[in-house]
Amino acid sequence: QVQLVESGGGLVQPGGSLRLSCAASGSIFSIYSWRWYRQAPGKERELVAAIAVGGTTNYAESVKGRFTIHRDNAKNTVYLQMNSLKAADTAVYYCNAPDLKTTMTRTIRSYWGQGTQVTVSS
């Protein structure tokens, strides 16, 4: 059984920073890539940032220069450093491992975290 557990969300003032973490546990053989999504009330879930196995990153235009995604392969963990936060960043943030291979079956499938709320408000 594989689980993704997120942490680090909360309330922050505009201009502030937060760091989200997402740790995968269970029978994990490898995690090829990671993604962070967010979903604001009344809006569709959107891709915020992604990091491939080799470290290549991609960001939504709205967060470029403010957010940084990085991974710790030894800990099966991904982070999202969010700086210069704006009210428009308020959303539930989800981590996703779209191509995680398990140890037991060696199958590849997508796993999701439970989501963590980020609220940017004064």
C-alpha atoms as a PDB file:
ATOM      1  CA  GLN A   1       0.000   0.000   0.000  1.00  0.00           C
ATOM      2  CA  VAL A   2       1.333   3.414  -0.986  1.00  0.00           C
ATOM      3  CA  GLN A   3       0.367   6.664   0.669  1.00  0.00           C
ATOM      4  CA  LEU A   4       1.219  10.282  -0.099  1.00  0.00           C
ATOM      5  CA  VAL A   5       0.992  12.602   2.886  1.00  0.00           C
ATOM      6  CA  GLU A   6       1.202  16.356   2.495  1.00  0.00           C
ATOM      7  CA  SER A   7       2.075  18.961   5.088  1.00  0.00           C
ATOM      8  CA  GLY A   8       2.984  22.619   5.354  1.00  0.00           C
ATOM      9  CA  GLY A   9      -0.196  24.400   4.362  1.00  0.00           C
ATOM     10  CA  GLY A  10      -1.718  27.196   6.366  1.00  0.00           C
ATOM     11  CA  LEU A  11      -2.596  30.869   6.520  1.00  0.00           C
ATOM     12  CA  VAL A  12      -0.038  33.404   5.343  1.00  0.00           C
ATOM     13  CA  GLN A  13      -0.110  37.105   4.568  1.00  0.00           C
ATOM     14  CA  PRO A  14       0.390  38.389   1.029  1.00  0.00           C
ATOM     15  CA  GLY A  15       4.087  38.469   0.225  1.00  0.00           C
ATOM     16  CA  GLY A  16       4.839  35.685   2.640  1.00  0.00           C
ATOM     17  CA  SER A  17       6.235  32.205   2.094  1.00  0.00           C
ATOM     18  CA  LEU A  18       5.254  28.617   2.742  1.00  0.00           C
ATOM     19  CA  ARG A  19       6.905  25.298   2.032  1.00  0.00           C
ATOM     20  CA  LEU A  20       4.757  22.299   1.237  1.00  0.00           C
ATOM     21  CA  SER A  21       6.026  18.761   1.647  1.00  0.00           C
ATOM     22  CA  CYS A  22       4.690  15.500   0.298  1.00  0.00           C
ATOM     23  CA  ALA A  23       6.146  12.224   1.529  1.00  0.00           C
ATOM     24  CA  ALA A  24       5.428   8.901  -0.103  1.00  0.00           C
ATOM     25  CA  SER A  25       5.485   5.745   1.984  1.00  0.00           C
ATOM     26  CA  GLY A  26       4.865   2.069   1.418  1.00  0.00           C
ATOM     27  CA  SER A  27       6.188  -0.481  -1.032  1.00  0.00           C
ATOM     28  CA  ILE A  28       7.828   1.962  -3.426  1.00  0.00           C
ATOM     29  CA  PHE A  29      10.289   0.843  -6.062  1.00  0.00           C
ATOM     30  CA  SER A  30      10.688   4.188  -7.809  1.00  0.00           C
ATOM     31  CA  ILE A  31       9.008   7.531  -8.386  1.00  0.00           C
ATOM     32  CA  TYR A  32       9.786   8.873 -11.817  1.00  0.00           C
ATOM     33  CA  SER A  33       8.147  12.271 -11.574  1.00  0.00           C
ATOM     34  CA  TRP A  34       6.234  14.466  -9.174  1.00  0.00           C
ATOM     35  CA  ARG A  35       3.604  17.121  -9.690  1.00  0.00           C
ATOM     36  CA  TRP A  36       1.885  19.724  -7.575  1.00  0.00           C
ATOM     37  CA  TYR A  37      -1.664  20.753  -8.475  1.00  0.00           C
ATOM     38  CA  ARG A  38      -4.015  23.230  -6.877  1.00  0.00           C
ATOM     39  CA  GLN A  39      -7.737  23.788  -6.907  1.00  0.00           C
ATOM     40  CA  ALA A  40      -9.401  26.997  -5.861  1.00  0.00           C
ATOM     41  CA  PRO A  41     -13.119  27.146  -4.993  1.00  0.00           C
ATOM     42  CA  GLY A  42     -15.237  27.033  -8.127  1.00  0.00           C
ATOM     43  CA  LYS A  43     -12.257  26.423 -10.373  1.00  0.00           C
ATOM     44  CA  GLU A  44     -10.746  23.403 -12.079  1.00  0.00           C
ATOM     45  CA  ARG A  45      -7.661  21.714 -10.724  1.00  0.00           C
ATOM     46  CA  GLU A  46      -4.567  23.147 -12.366  1.00  0.00           C
ATOM     47  CA  LEU A  47      -0.990  21.956 -12.656  1.00  0.00           C
ATOM     48  CA  VAL A  48       1.346  24.217 -10.711  1.00  0.00           C
ATOM     49  CA  ALA A  49       4.750  22.560 -10.955  1.00  0.00           C
ATOM     50  CA  ALA A  50       6.371  19.327 -12.063  1.00  0.00           C
ATOM     51  CA  ILE A  51       9.760  17.693 -11.675  1.00  0.00           C
ATOM     52  CA  ALA A  52      11.081  14.761 -13.657  1.00  0.00           C
ATOM     53  CA  VAL A  53      13.385  12.002 -12.495  1.00  0.00           C
ATOM     54  CA  GLY A  54      16.418  13.844 -13.848  1.00  0.00           C
ATOM     55  CA  GLY A  55      15.469  17.066 -12.120  1.00  0.00           C
ATOM     56  CA  THR A  56      13.935  18.934 -15.049  1.00  0.00           C
ATOM     57  CA  THR A  57      11.230  21.272 -13.798  1.00  0.00           C
ATOM     58  CA  ASN A  58       8.203  22.978 -15.295  1.00  0.00           C
ATOM     59  CA  TYR A  59       5.973  25.652 -13.830  1.00  0.00           C
ATOM     60  CA  ALA A  60       2.672  27.297 -14.560  1.00  0.00           C
ATOM     61  CA  GLU A  61       3.177  30.820 -15.875  1.00  0.00           C
ATOM     62  CA  SER A  62       1.351  32.243 -12.878  1.00  0.00           C
ATOM     63  CA  VAL A  63       3.959  30.911 -10.425  1.00  0.00           C
ATOM     64  CA  LYS A  64       7.206  31.156 -12.387  1.00  0.00           C
ATOM     65  CA  GLY A  65       9.875  32.962 -10.437  1.00  0.00           C
ATOM     66  CA  ARG A  66       7.967  32.571  -7.165  1.00  0.00           C
ATOM     67  CA  PHE A  67       7.575  28.808  -6.651  1.00  0.00           C
ATOM     68  CA  THR A  68      10.286  26.154  -6.658  1.00  0.00           C
ATOM     69  CA  ILE A  69       9.757  22.414  -6.778  1.00  0.00           C
ATOM     70  CA  HIS A  70      12.473  20.018  -5.659  1.00  0.00           C
ATOM     71  CA  ARG A  71      12.716  16.392  -4.674  1.00  0.00           C
ATOM     72  CA  ASP A  72      14.630  14.240  -2.240  1.00  0.00           C
ATOM     73  CA  ASN A  73      14.788  10.794  -3.821  1.00  0.00           C
ATOM     74  CA  ALA A  74      16.281   9.183  -0.735  1.00  0.00           C
ATOM     75  CA  LYS A  75      13.261  10.252   1.273  1.00  0.00           C
ATOM     76  CA  ASN A  76      10.657   9.789  -1.491  1.00  0.00           C
ATOM     77  CA  THR A  77       9.620  13.352  -0.819  1.00  0.00           C
ATOM     78  CA  VAL A  78       8.805  16.370  -2.938  1.00  0.00           C
ATOM     79  CA  TYR A  79       8.690  19.984  -1.805  1.00  0.00           C
ATOM     80  CA  LEU A  80       7.082  23.139  -3.098  1.00  0.00           C
ATOM     81  CA  GLN A  81       8.683  26.344  -1.882  1.00  0.00           C
ATOM     82  CA  MET A  82       6.231  29.195  -2.385  1.00  0.00           C
ATOM     83  CA  ASN A  83       7.454  32.772  -2.098  1.00  0.00           C
ATOM     84  CA  SER A  84       5.827  36.145  -2.704  1.00  0.00           C
ATOM     85  CA  LEU A  85       2.442  34.600  -2.179  1.00  0.00           C
ATOM     86  CA  LYS A  86      -0.648  36.330  -3.504  1.00  0.00           C
ATOM     87  CA  ALA A  87      -4.323  36.035  -2.696  1.00  0.00           C
ATOM     88  CA  ALA A  88      -4.732  34.310  -6.078  1.00  0.00           C
ATOM     89  CA  ASP A  89      -2.565  31.448  -4.783  1.00  0.00           C
ATOM     90  CA  THR A  90      -5.244  30.508  -2.265  1.00  0.00           C
ATOM     91  CA  ALA A  91      -6.297  26.923  -2.990  1.00  0.00           C
ATOM     92  CA  VAL A  92      -6.062  23.340  -1.879  1.00  0.00           C
ATOM     93  CA  TYR A  93      -2.718  21.989  -3.033  1.00  0.00           C
ATOM     94  CA  TYR A  94      -2.344  18.345  -4.042  1.00  0.00           C
ATOM     95  CA  CYS A  95       0.780  16.357  -4.714  1.00  0.00           C
ATOM     96  CA  ASN A  96       0.731  13.689  -7.368  1.00  0.00           C
ATOM     97  CA  ALA A  97       3.120  10.908  -8.299  1.00  0.00           C
ATOM     98  CA  PRO A  98       1.817  10.050 -11.767  1.00  0.00           C
ATOM     99  CA  ASP A  99       4.196   7.188 -12.484  1.00  0.00           C
ATOM    100  CA  LEU A 100       5.049   5.488  -9.232  1.00  0.00           C
ATOM    101  CA  LYS A 101       6.254   1.906  -9.455  1.00  0.00           C
ATOM    102  CA  THR A 102       5.564  -0.369  -6.527  1.00  0.00           C
ATOM    103  CA  THR A 103       7.977  -2.968  -5.219  1.00  0.00           C
ATOM    104  CA  MET A 104       5.605  -5.887  -5.000  1.00  0.00           C
ATOM    105  CA  THR A 105       3.868  -5.827  -8.371  1.00  0.00           C
ATOM    106  CA  ARG A 106       6.187  -3.469 -10.315  1.00  0.00           C
ATOM    107  CA  THR A 107       3.083  -1.862 -11.763  1.00  0.00           C
ATOM    108  CA  ILE A 108       3.066   1.856 -12.489  1.00  0.00           C
ATOM    109  CA  ARG A 109       0.123   3.999 -11.519  1.00  0.00           C
ATOM    110  CA  SER A 110      -0.774   7.449 -10.295  1.00  0.00           C
ATOM    111  CA  TYR A 111      -1.088   8.314  -6.612  1.00  0.00           C
ATOM    112  CA  TRP A 112      -2.476  11.455  -4.983  1.00  0.00           C
ATOM    113  CA  GLY A 113      -2.101  13.146  -1.642  1.00  0.00           C
ATOM    114  CA  GLN A 114      -5.087  14.215   0.403  1.00  0.00           C
ATOM    115  CA  GLY A 115      -4.561  17.916  -0.206  1.00  0.00           C
ATOM    116  CA  THR A 116      -3.459  20.763   2.026  1.00  0.00           C
ATOM    117  CA  GLN A 117      -5.111  24.168   2.287  1.00  0.00           C
ATOM    118  CA  VAL A 118      -3.110  27.292   1.517  1.00  0.00           C
ATOM    119  CA  THR A 119      -4.799  30.585   2.331  1.00  0.00           C
ATOM    120  CA  VAL A 120      -3.177  33.909   1.488  1.00  0.00           C
ATOM    121  CA  SER A 121      -4.923  36.734   3.248  1.00  0.00           C
ATOM    122  CA  SER A 122      -4.224  39.781   5.359  1.00  0.00           C
END
